[in-house]
Amino acid sequence: MSNNEEILLKARNIRKSYYIGTPNELEILHGIDLDIRKGEFVSIVGQSGSGKSTLMNILGILDRQTVGEYSLNGIDISNAPAKELAKLRNRHIGFVFQTYNLIARTDALSNVEMPMLYAGLSPKERRARAEELLEMVGMTERMHHTPDELSGGQKQRVAIARAMANNPDIILADEPTGALDSGTGRMVMDIFHDLHEKQGKTIVLITHSNELAAETPRIITISDGNIISEKTQEIKIIRPATEERKEIC
């Protein structure tokens, strides 16, 4: 099996219930089976209430499934001790959220350094890596600005740089353009395409937008807690020049 075919994420019979053992017990996910291979760019698309965010929380080790098995890069997450989960998230997963989740009153450089601080990198290593990543997303000139001094698009670029800080196995992007105008959203998607195409990053895009999902080579559709369809496709995105993209936000 080639590296491109190597399974990075494997989920089997994933079920998630709330209010277990009460009359109000509610199952949100009804037995999800999912494989994601190294180097894939996959979208999980579904409307509000479909279960896609619940699934993302499990894949991102932010929550545990009620039933089922989940492994990431060969590590059995299902049976990992609770105290190890934060380390696993920090080491293996990069997150990009709709609401950015940047630390207020902390500049862009320090925000990007934060995951590396928890990973135990030296101050010199953290700074060099953070500067490199901010340059990659076109934020060198704004690295010493705090979130309240940045536009939405700039915040999301910092968030993407932070997601890449520890060179994660996978990036989970939850509605990453949801709070942005169309032009800035286009720029953010272009960065994801660059990460996938030029660095071979594995990216999972969680979205309600069929238009965004259409930009990914593989589309998984979820509804009422079940995967109802899956397809692969050839994609060709026409993008403006790099300098034009930077000017959008």
C-alpha atoms as a PDB file:
ATOM      1  CA  MET A   1       0.000   0.000   0.000  1.00  0.00           C
ATOM      2  CA  SER A   2       1.425   3.395  -0.962  1.00  0.00           C
ATOM      3  CA  ASN A   3       1.548   6.343   1.411  1.00  0.00           C
ATOM      4  CA  ASN A   4      -1.316   7.974  -0.487  1.00  0.00           C
ATOM      5  CA  GLU A   5      -3.454   4.933   0.286  1.00  0.00           C
ATOM      6  CA  GLU A   6      -2.444   4.559   3.932  1.00  0.00           C
ATOM      7  CA  ILE A   7      -5.392   4.934   6.260  1.00  0.00           C
ATOM      8  CA  LEU A   8      -4.826   7.757   8.734  1.00  0.00           C
ATOM      9  CA  LEU A   9      -8.209   7.823  10.425  1.00  0.00           C
ATOM     10  CA  LYS A  10     -10.444   4.807  10.949  1.00  0.00           C
ATOM     11  CA  ALA A  11     -13.864   4.948  12.604  1.00  0.00           C
ATOM     12  CA  ARG A  12     -16.135   1.934  12.983  1.00  0.00           C
ATOM     13  CA  ASN A  13     -19.753   1.847  14.186  1.00  0.00           C
ATOM     14  CA  ILE A  14     -19.453   5.260  15.850  1.00  0.00           C
ATOM     15  CA  ARG A  15     -22.544   6.029  17.890  1.00  0.00           C
ATOM     16  CA  LYS A  16     -23.092   8.990  20.165  1.00  0.00           C
ATOM     17  CA  SER A  17     -25.925   9.295  22.655  1.00  0.00           C
ATOM     18  CA  TYR A  18     -26.868  11.866  25.256  1.00  0.00           C
ATOM     19  CA  TYR A  19     -28.960  11.568  28.448  1.00  0.00           C
ATOM     20  CA  ILE A  20     -28.071   7.877  28.567  1.00  0.00           C
ATOM     21  CA  GLY A  21     -30.322   5.800  30.796  1.00  0.00           C
ATOM     22  CA  THR A  22     -33.016   8.462  31.045  1.00  0.00           C
ATOM     23  CA  PRO A  23     -36.390   8.724  29.290  1.00  0.00           C
ATOM     24  CA  ASN A  24     -34.846  11.533  27.222  1.00  0.00           C
ATOM     25  CA  GLU A  25     -31.965   9.413  25.861  1.00  0.00           C
ATOM     26  CA  LEU A  26     -31.113  10.641  22.398  1.00  0.00           C
ATOM     27  CA  GLU A  27     -28.778   9.032  19.866  1.00  0.00           C
ATOM     28  CA  ILE A  28     -27.214  11.581  17.501  1.00  0.00           C
ATOM     29  CA  LEU A  29     -24.868   9.338  15.507  1.00  0.00           C
ATOM     30  CA  HIS A  30     -26.205   5.958  14.454  1.00  0.00           C
ATOM     31  CA  GLY A  31     -23.201   3.858  13.512  1.00  0.00           C
ATOM     32  CA  ILE A  32     -20.713   5.821  11.398  1.00  0.00           C
ATOM     33  CA  ASP A  33     -18.050   3.939   9.437  1.00  0.00           C
ATOM     34  CA  LEU A  34     -15.342   6.166   7.995  1.00  0.00           C
ATOM     35  CA  ASP A  35     -11.815   5.862   6.630  1.00  0.00           C
ATOM     36  CA  ILE A  36      -9.666   8.859   5.717  1.00  0.00           C
ATOM     37  CA  ARG A  37      -6.330   8.279   4.013  1.00  0.00           C
ATOM     38  CA  LYS A  38      -3.153  10.255   4.371  1.00  0.00           C
ATOM     39  CA  GLY A  39      -3.042  13.214   2.023  1.00  0.00           C
ATOM     40  CA  GLU A  40      -6.785  13.351   1.350  1.00  0.00           C
ATOM     41  CA  PHE A  41      -8.874  16.528   1.215  1.00  0.00           C
ATOM     42  CA  VAL A  42     -12.323  15.432   2.318  1.00  0.00           C
ATOM     43  CA  SER A  43     -15.505  17.364   3.054  1.00  0.00           C
ATOM     44  CA  ILE A  44     -18.189  16.205   5.460  1.00  0.00           C
ATOM     45  CA  VAL A  45     -21.293  18.085   4.416  1.00  0.00           C
ATOM     46  CA  GLY A  46     -24.676  18.280   6.108  1.00  0.00           C
ATOM     47  CA  GLN A  47     -27.288  20.710   7.305  1.00  0.00           C
ATOM     48  CA  SER A  48     -27.643  21.969  10.866  1.00  0.00           C
ATOM     49  CA  GLY A  49     -28.636  19.082  13.113  1.00  0.00           C
ATOM     50  CA  SER A  50     -27.251  16.431  10.777  1.00  0.00           C
ATOM     51  CA  GLY A  51     -24.641  15.260  13.291  1.00  0.00           C
ATOM     52  CA  LYS A  52     -21.584  16.563  11.456  1.00  0.00           C
ATOM     53  CA  SER A  53     -20.348  18.702  14.363  1.00  0.00           C
ATOM     54  CA  THR A  54     -20.864  15.828  16.797  1.00  0.00           C
ATOM     55  CA  LEU A  55     -18.811  13.631  14.491  1.00  0.00           C
ATOM     56  CA  MET A  56     -16.102  16.301  14.219  1.00  0.00           C
ATOM     57  CA  ASN A  57     -15.834  16.518  18.005  1.00  0.00           C
ATOM     58  CA  ILE A  58     -15.228  12.781  18.155  1.00  0.00           C
ATOM     59  CA  LEU A  59     -12.733  12.761  15.293  1.00  0.00           C
ATOM     60  CA  GLY A  60     -10.962  15.715  16.936  1.00  0.00           C
ATOM     61  CA  ILE A  61     -10.791  13.906  20.292  1.00  0.00           C
ATOM     62  CA  LEU A  62     -12.859  16.675  21.867  1.00  0.00           C
ATOM     63  CA  ASP A  63     -15.499  14.122  22.872  1.00  0.00           C
ATOM     64  CA  ARG A  64     -15.786  10.342  23.085  1.00  0.00           C
ATOM     65  CA  GLN A  65     -18.203   8.151  21.200  1.00  0.00           C
ATOM     66  CA  THR A  66     -20.743   6.133  23.197  1.00  0.00           C
ATOM     67  CA  VAL A  67     -20.166   3.010  21.104  1.00  0.00           C
ATOM     68  CA  GLY A  68     -17.637   2.126  18.421  1.00  0.00           C
ATOM     69  CA  GLU A  69     -13.924   2.169  17.686  1.00  0.00           C
ATOM     70  CA  TYR A  70     -11.735   5.046  16.551  1.00  0.00           C
ATOM     71  CA  SER A  71      -8.035   5.085  15.694  1.00  0.00           C
ATOM     72  CA  LEU A  72      -5.854   7.919  14.418  1.00  0.00           C
ATOM     73  CA  ASN A  73      -2.480   7.240  12.822  1.00  0.00           C
ATOM     74  CA  GLY A  74      -2.515   3.764  14.318  1.00  0.00           C
ATOM     75  CA  ILE A  75      -3.323   4.968  17.840  1.00  0.00           C
ATOM     76  CA  ASP A  76      -6.442   3.477  19.421  1.00  0.00           C
ATOM     77  CA  ILE A  77      -8.188   6.615  20.629  1.00  0.00           C
ATOM     78  CA  SER A  78     -11.160   4.671  21.965  1.00  0.00           C
ATOM     79  CA  ASN A  79      -9.097   3.152  24.789  1.00  0.00           C
ATOM     80  CA  ALA A  80      -6.630   5.973  25.388  1.00  0.00           C
ATOM     81  CA  PRO A  81      -6.584   7.219  29.005  1.00  0.00           C
ATOM     82  CA  ALA A  82      -8.362  10.538  29.495  1.00  0.00           C
ATOM     83  CA  LYS A  83      -5.128  12.240  30.608  1.00  0.00           C
ATOM     84  CA  GLU A  84      -3.535  11.359  27.263  1.00  0.00           C
ATOM     85  CA  LEU A  85      -6.241  12.862  25.070  1.00  0.00           C
ATOM     86  CA  ALA A  86      -4.992  16.457  25.291  1.00  0.00           C
ATOM     87  CA  LYS A  87      -1.487  15.329  24.303  1.00  0.00           C
ATOM     88  CA  LEU A  88      -2.886  13.352  21.376  1.00  0.00           C
ATOM     89  CA  ARG A  89      -4.898  16.367  20.159  1.00  0.00           C
ATOM     90  CA  ASN A  90      -1.905  18.675  20.435  1.00  0.00           C
ATOM     91  CA  ARG A  91       0.420  16.282  18.646  1.00  0.00           C
ATOM     92  CA  HIS A  92      -1.795  14.929  15.873  1.00  0.00           C
ATOM     93  CA  ILE A  93      -4.633  17.384  15.116  1.00  0.00           C
ATOM     94  CA  GLY A  94      -4.835  20.987  13.961  1.00  0.00           C
ATOM     95  CA  PHE A  95      -8.159  22.799  14.387  1.00  0.00           C
ATOM     96  CA  VAL A  96      -9.611  25.701  12.435  1.00  0.00           C
ATOM     97  CA  PHE A  97     -12.966  26.964  13.744  1.00  0.00           C
ATOM     98  CA  GLN A  98     -15.535  29.382  12.373  1.00  0.00           C
ATOM     99  CA  THR A  99     -15.030  31.600  15.437  1.00  0.00           C
ATOM    100  CA  TYR A 100     -11.188  31.525  15.139  1.00  0.00           C
ATOM    101  CA  ASN A 101     -10.678  30.758  18.886  1.00  0.00           C
ATOM    102  CA  LEU A 102      -7.655  33.036  19.139  1.00  0.00           C
ATOM    103  CA  ILE A 103      -6.467  34.212  22.534  1.00  0.00           C
ATOM    104  CA  ALA A 104      -7.436  37.835  23.112  1.00  0.00           C
ATOM    105  CA  ARG A 105      -4.803  40.402  24.093  1.00  0.00           C
ATOM    106  CA  THR A 106      -2.155  38.047  22.709  1.00  0.00           C
ATOM    107  CA  ASP A 107      -0.523  38.875  19.400  1.00  0.00           C
ATOM    108  CA  ALA A 108      -0.634  36.657  16.322  1.00  0.00           C
ATOM    109  CA  LEU A 109       2.893  35.376  16.864  1.00  0.00           C
ATOM    110  CA  SER A 110       2.145  34.214  20.410  1.00  0.00           C
ATOM    111  CA  ASN A 111      -1.134  32.645  19.311  1.00  0.00           C
ATOM    112  CA  VAL A 112       0.706  30.526  16.758  1.00  0.00           C
ATOM    113  CA  GLU A 113       3.400  29.634  19.289  1.00  0.00           C
ATOM    114  CA  MET A 114       0.907  28.366  21.884  1.00  0.00           C
ATOM    115  CA  PRO A 115       0.514  24.746  20.659  1.00  0.00           C
ATOM    116  CA  MET A 116       4.307  24.458  20.457  1.00  0.00           C
ATOM    117  CA  LEU A 117       4.624  25.684  24.042  1.00  0.00           C
ATOM    118  CA  TYR A 118       2.418  22.796  25.190  1.00  0.00           C
ATOM    119  CA  ALA A 119       4.462  20.429  23.006  1.00  0.00           C
ATOM    120  CA  GLY A 120       7.642  21.451  24.829  1.00  0.00           C
ATOM    121  CA  LEU A 121       9.534  23.257  22.055  1.00  0.00           C
ATOM    122  CA  SER A 122      12.143  25.815  23.069  1.00  0.00           C
ATOM    123  CA  PRO A 123      11.351  29.541  22.776  1.00  0.00           C
ATOM    124  CA  LYS A 124      13.772  29.841  19.847  1.00  0.00           C
ATOM    125  CA  GLU A 125      12.176  26.930  17.998  1.00  0.00           C
ATOM    126  CA  ARG A 126       8.660  28.231  18.676  1.00  0.00           C
ATOM    127  CA  ARG A 127       9.387  31.700  17.403  1.00  0.00           C
ATOM    128  CA  ALA A 128      11.152  30.526  14.244  1.00  0.00           C
ATOM    129  CA  ARG A 129       8.359  28.108  13.376  1.00  0.00           C
ATOM    130  CA  ALA A 130       5.617  30.666  14.139  1.00  0.00           C
ATOM    131  CA  GLU A 131       7.297  33.306  11.953  1.00  0.00           C
ATOM    132  CA  GLU A 132       7.628  30.782   9.127  1.00  0.00           C
ATOM    133  CA  LEU A 133       3.957  29.820   9.334  1.00  0.00           C
ATOM    134  CA  LEU A 134       2.728  33.409   9.504  1.00  0.00           C
ATOM    135  CA  GLU A 135       4.810  34.191   6.439  1.00  0.00           C
ATOM    136  CA  MET A 136       3.219  31.186   4.700  1.00  0.00           C
ATOM    137  CA  VAL A 137      -0.277  32.640   5.204  1.00  0.00           C
ATOM    138  CA  GLY A 138       0.765  36.197   4.334  1.00  0.00           C
ATOM    139  CA  MET A 139       0.642  37.588   7.879  1.00  0.00           C
ATOM    140  CA  THR A 140       4.266  38.617   8.471  1.00  0.00           C
ATOM    141  CA  GLU A 141       3.435  42.314   8.668  1.00  0.00           C
ATOM    142  CA  ARG A 142       0.653  41.680  11.214  1.00  0.00           C
ATOM    143  CA  MET A 143       2.351  39.159  13.475  1.00  0.00           C
ATOM    144  CA  HIS A 144       2.547  41.568  16.405  1.00  0.00           C
ATOM    145  CA  HIS A 145      -1.115  42.587  16.223  1.00  0.00           C
ATOM    146  CA  THR A 146      -3.737  41.226  18.618  1.00  0.00           C
ATOM    147  CA  PRO A 147      -6.984  39.645  17.374  1.00  0.00           C
ATOM    148  CA  ASP A 148      -9.004  42.830  17.928  1.00  0.00           C
ATOM    149  CA  GLU A 149      -6.620  44.585  15.527  1.00  0.00           C
ATOM    150  CA  LEU A 150      -7.197  42.027  12.758  1.00  0.00           C
ATOM    151  CA  SER A 151      -9.968  41.536  10.223  1.00  0.00           C
ATOM    152  CA  GLY A 152     -11.924  38.301  10.083  1.00  0.00           C
ATOM    153  CA  GLY A 153      -9.840  36.987   7.226  1.00  0.00           C
ATOM    154  CA  GLN A 154      -6.617  37.865   8.990  1.00  0.00           C
ATOM    155  CA  LYS A 155      -7.785  36.110  12.162  1.00  0.00           C
ATOM    156  CA  GLN A 156      -8.554  32.988  10.173  1.00  0.00           C
ATOM    157  CA  ARG A 157      -5.137  33.070   8.533  1.00  0.00           C
ATOM    158  CA  VAL A 158      -3.562  33.203  11.998  1.00  0.00           C
ATOM    159  CA  ALA A 159      -5.798  30.313  13.049  1.00  0.00           C
ATOM    160  CA  ILE A 160      -4.616  28.254  10.074  1.00  0.00           C
ATOM    161  CA  ALA A 161      -0.998  29.002  10.940  1.00  0.00           C
ATOM    162  CA  ARG A 162      -1.681  27.936  14.524  1.00  0.00           C
ATOM    163  CA  ALA A 163      -3.321  24.722  13.304  1.00  0.00           C
ATOM    164  CA  MET A 164      -0.087  23.906  11.459  1.00  0.00           C
ATOM    165  CA  ALA A 165       2.165  24.690  14.432  1.00  0.00           C
ATOM    166  CA  ASN A 166       3.014  21.110  15.426  1.00  0.00           C
ATOM    167  CA  ASN A 167       2.871  19.764  11.874  1.00  0.00           C
ATOM    168  CA  PRO A 168      -0.277  17.728  12.661  1.00  0.00           C
ATOM    169  CA  ASP A 169      -1.303  14.550  10.899  1.00  0.00           C
ATOM    170  CA  ILE A 170      -4.702  16.049  10.072  1.00  0.00           C
ATOM    171  CA  ILE A 171      -6.407  19.442   9.994  1.00  0.00           C
ATOM    172  CA  LEU A 172     -10.075  19.620  10.973  1.00  0.00           C
ATOM    173  CA  ALA A 173     -11.720  22.769   9.627  1.00  0.00           C
ATOM    174  CA  ASP A 174     -15.212  23.386  11.020  1.00  0.00           C
ATOM    175  CA  GLU A 175     -17.104  25.920   8.857  1.00  0.00           C
ATOM    176  CA  PRO A 176     -13.868  27.904   8.386  1.00  0.00           C
ATOM    177  CA  THR A 177     -15.453  30.448   6.013  1.00  0.00           C
ATOM    178  CA  GLY A 178     -18.776  30.726   7.823  1.00  0.00           C
ATOM    179  CA  ALA A 179     -18.044  34.132   9.391  1.00  0.00           C
ATOM    180  CA  LEU A 180     -16.338  35.596   6.312  1.00  0.00           C
ATOM    181  CA  ASP A 181     -17.511  37.411   3.205  1.00  0.00           C
ATOM    182  CA  SER A 182     -17.218  35.549  -0.080  1.00  0.00           C
ATOM    183  CA  GLY A 183     -13.954  37.170  -1.180  1.00  0.00           C
ATOM    184  CA  THR A 184     -12.184  36.491   2.108  1.00  0.00           C
ATOM    185  CA  GLY A 185     -13.663  33.003   2.248  1.00  0.00           C
ATOM    186  CA  ARG A 186     -12.175  32.354  -1.178  1.00  0.00           C
ATOM    187  CA  MET A 187      -8.741  33.335   0.102  1.00  0.00           C
ATOM    188  CA  VAL A 188      -9.065  30.980   3.088  1.00  0.00           C
ATOM    189  CA  MET A 189     -10.071  28.067   0.869  1.00  0.00           C
ATOM    190  CA  ASP A 190      -7.095  28.806  -1.369  1.00  0.00           C
ATOM    191  CA  ILE A 191      -4.787  28.406   1.621  1.00  0.00           C
ATOM    192  CA  PHE A 192      -6.320  25.000   2.358  1.00  0.00           C
ATOM    193  CA  HIS A 193      -5.840  23.981  -1.270  1.00  0.00           C
ATOM    194  CA  ASP A 194      -2.192  25.066  -1.083  1.00  0.00           C
ATOM    195  CA  LEU A 195      -1.643  23.051   2.108  1.00  0.00           C
ATOM    196  CA  HIS A 196      -3.158  20.003   0.454  1.00  0.00           C
ATOM    197  CA  GLU A 197      -1.494  20.323  -2.931  1.00  0.00           C
ATOM    198  CA  LYS A 198       1.944  21.611  -1.953  1.00  0.00           C
ATOM    199  CA  GLN A 199       2.453  20.037   1.478  1.00  0.00           C
ATOM    200  CA  GLY A 200       0.285  16.940   1.142  1.00  0.00           C
ATOM    201  CA  LYS A 201      -1.705  17.800   4.259  1.00  0.00           C
ATOM    202  CA  THR A 202      -4.712  15.698   5.197  1.00  0.00           C
ATOM    203  CA  ILE A 203      -7.676  18.051   5.585  1.00  0.00           C
ATOM    204  CA  VAL A 204     -11.253  17.389   6.665  1.00  0.00           C
ATOM    205  CA  LEU A 205     -13.630  20.247   5.928  1.00  0.00           C
ATOM    206  CA  ILE A 206     -16.887  20.227   7.895  1.00  0.00           C
ATOM    207  CA  THR A 207     -19.475  22.409   6.197  1.00  0.00           C
ATOM    208  CA  HIS A 208     -23.147  22.920   5.398  1.00  0.00           C
ATOM    209  CA  SER A 209     -22.196  24.397   2.022  1.00  0.00           C
ATOM    210  CA  ASN A 210     -22.459  22.143  -1.020  1.00  0.00           C
ATOM    211  CA  GLU A 211     -20.535  24.795  -2.944  1.00  0.00           C
ATOM    212  CA  LEU A 212     -17.510  24.478  -0.652  1.00  0.00           C
ATOM    213  CA  ALA A 213     -17.790  20.701  -0.539  1.00  0.00           C
ATOM    214  CA  ALA A 214     -17.649  20.671  -4.341  1.00  0.00           C
ATOM    215  CA  GLU A 215     -14.054  21.937  -4.092  1.00  0.00           C
ATOM    216  CA  THR A 216     -12.848  18.747  -2.395  1.00  0.00           C
ATOM    217  CA  PRO A 217     -11.920  15.520  -4.184  1.00  0.00           C
ATOM    218  CA  ARG A 218     -14.078  13.463  -1.825  1.00  0.00           C
ATOM    219  CA  ILE A 219     -17.469  14.415  -0.443  1.00  0.00           C
ATOM    220  CA  ILE A 220     -19.192  12.619   2.430  1.00  0.00           C
ATOM    221  CA  THR A 221     -22.798  13.641   3.071  1.00  0.00           C
ATOM    222  CA  ILE A 222     -24.313  13.141   6.509  1.00  0.00           C
ATOM    223  CA  SER A 223     -27.981  13.431   7.454  1.00  0.00           C
ATOM    224  CA  ASP A 224     -29.827  12.525  10.649  1.00  0.00           C
ATOM    225  CA  GLY A 225     -26.690  10.954  12.102  1.00  0.00           C
ATOM    226  CA  ASN A 226     -25.986   8.673   9.151  1.00  0.00           C
ATOM    227  CA  ILE A 227     -23.656   8.849   6.169  1.00  0.00           C
ATOM    228  CA  ILE A 228     -26.100   8.834   3.263  1.00  0.00           C
ATOM    229  CA  SER A 229     -23.737   9.260   0.325  1.00  0.00           C
ATOM    230  CA  GLU A 230     -20.100   9.447  -0.642  1.00  0.00           C
ATOM    231  CA  LYS A 231     -18.440  10.371  -3.900  1.00  0.00           C
ATOM    232  CA  THR A 232     -15.050  11.190  -5.347  1.00  0.00           C
ATOM    233  CA  GLN A 233     -14.419  13.645  -8.151  1.00  0.00           C
ATOM    234  CA  GLU A 234     -11.798  15.428 -10.165  1.00  0.00           C
ATOM    235  CA  ILE A 235     -11.620  19.091  -9.209  1.00  0.00           C
ATOM    236  CA  LYS A 236     -10.063  22.117 -10.828  1.00  0.00           C
ATOM    237  CA  ILE A 237     -10.285  25.386  -8.937  1.00  0.00           C
ATOM    238  CA  ILE A 238      -9.493  28.578 -10.819  1.00  0.00           C
ATOM    239  CA  ARG A 239      -7.776  30.895  -8.360  1.00  0.00           C
ATOM    240  CA  PRO A 240      -6.458  34.449  -8.613  1.00  0.00           C
ATOM    241  CA  ALA A 241      -2.777  35.200  -8.370  1.00  0.00           C
ATOM    242  CA  THR A 242      -1.149  35.087  -4.927  1.00  0.00           C
ATOM    243  CA  GLU A 243      -0.760  38.859  -4.577  1.00  0.00           C
ATOM    244  CA  GLU A 244      -4.395  39.434  -5.523  1.00  0.00           C
ATOM    245  CA  ARG A 245      -5.495  36.898  -2.939  1.00  0.00           C
ATOM    246  CA  LYS A 246      -3.513  38.590  -0.163  1.00  0.00           C
ATOM    247  CA  GLU A 247      -5.211  41.905  -0.864  1.00  0.00           C
ATOM    248  CA  ILE A 248      -8.698  40.473  -0.337  1.00  0.00           C
ATOM    249  CA  CYS A 249      -8.546  40.747   3.446  1.00  0.00           C
END
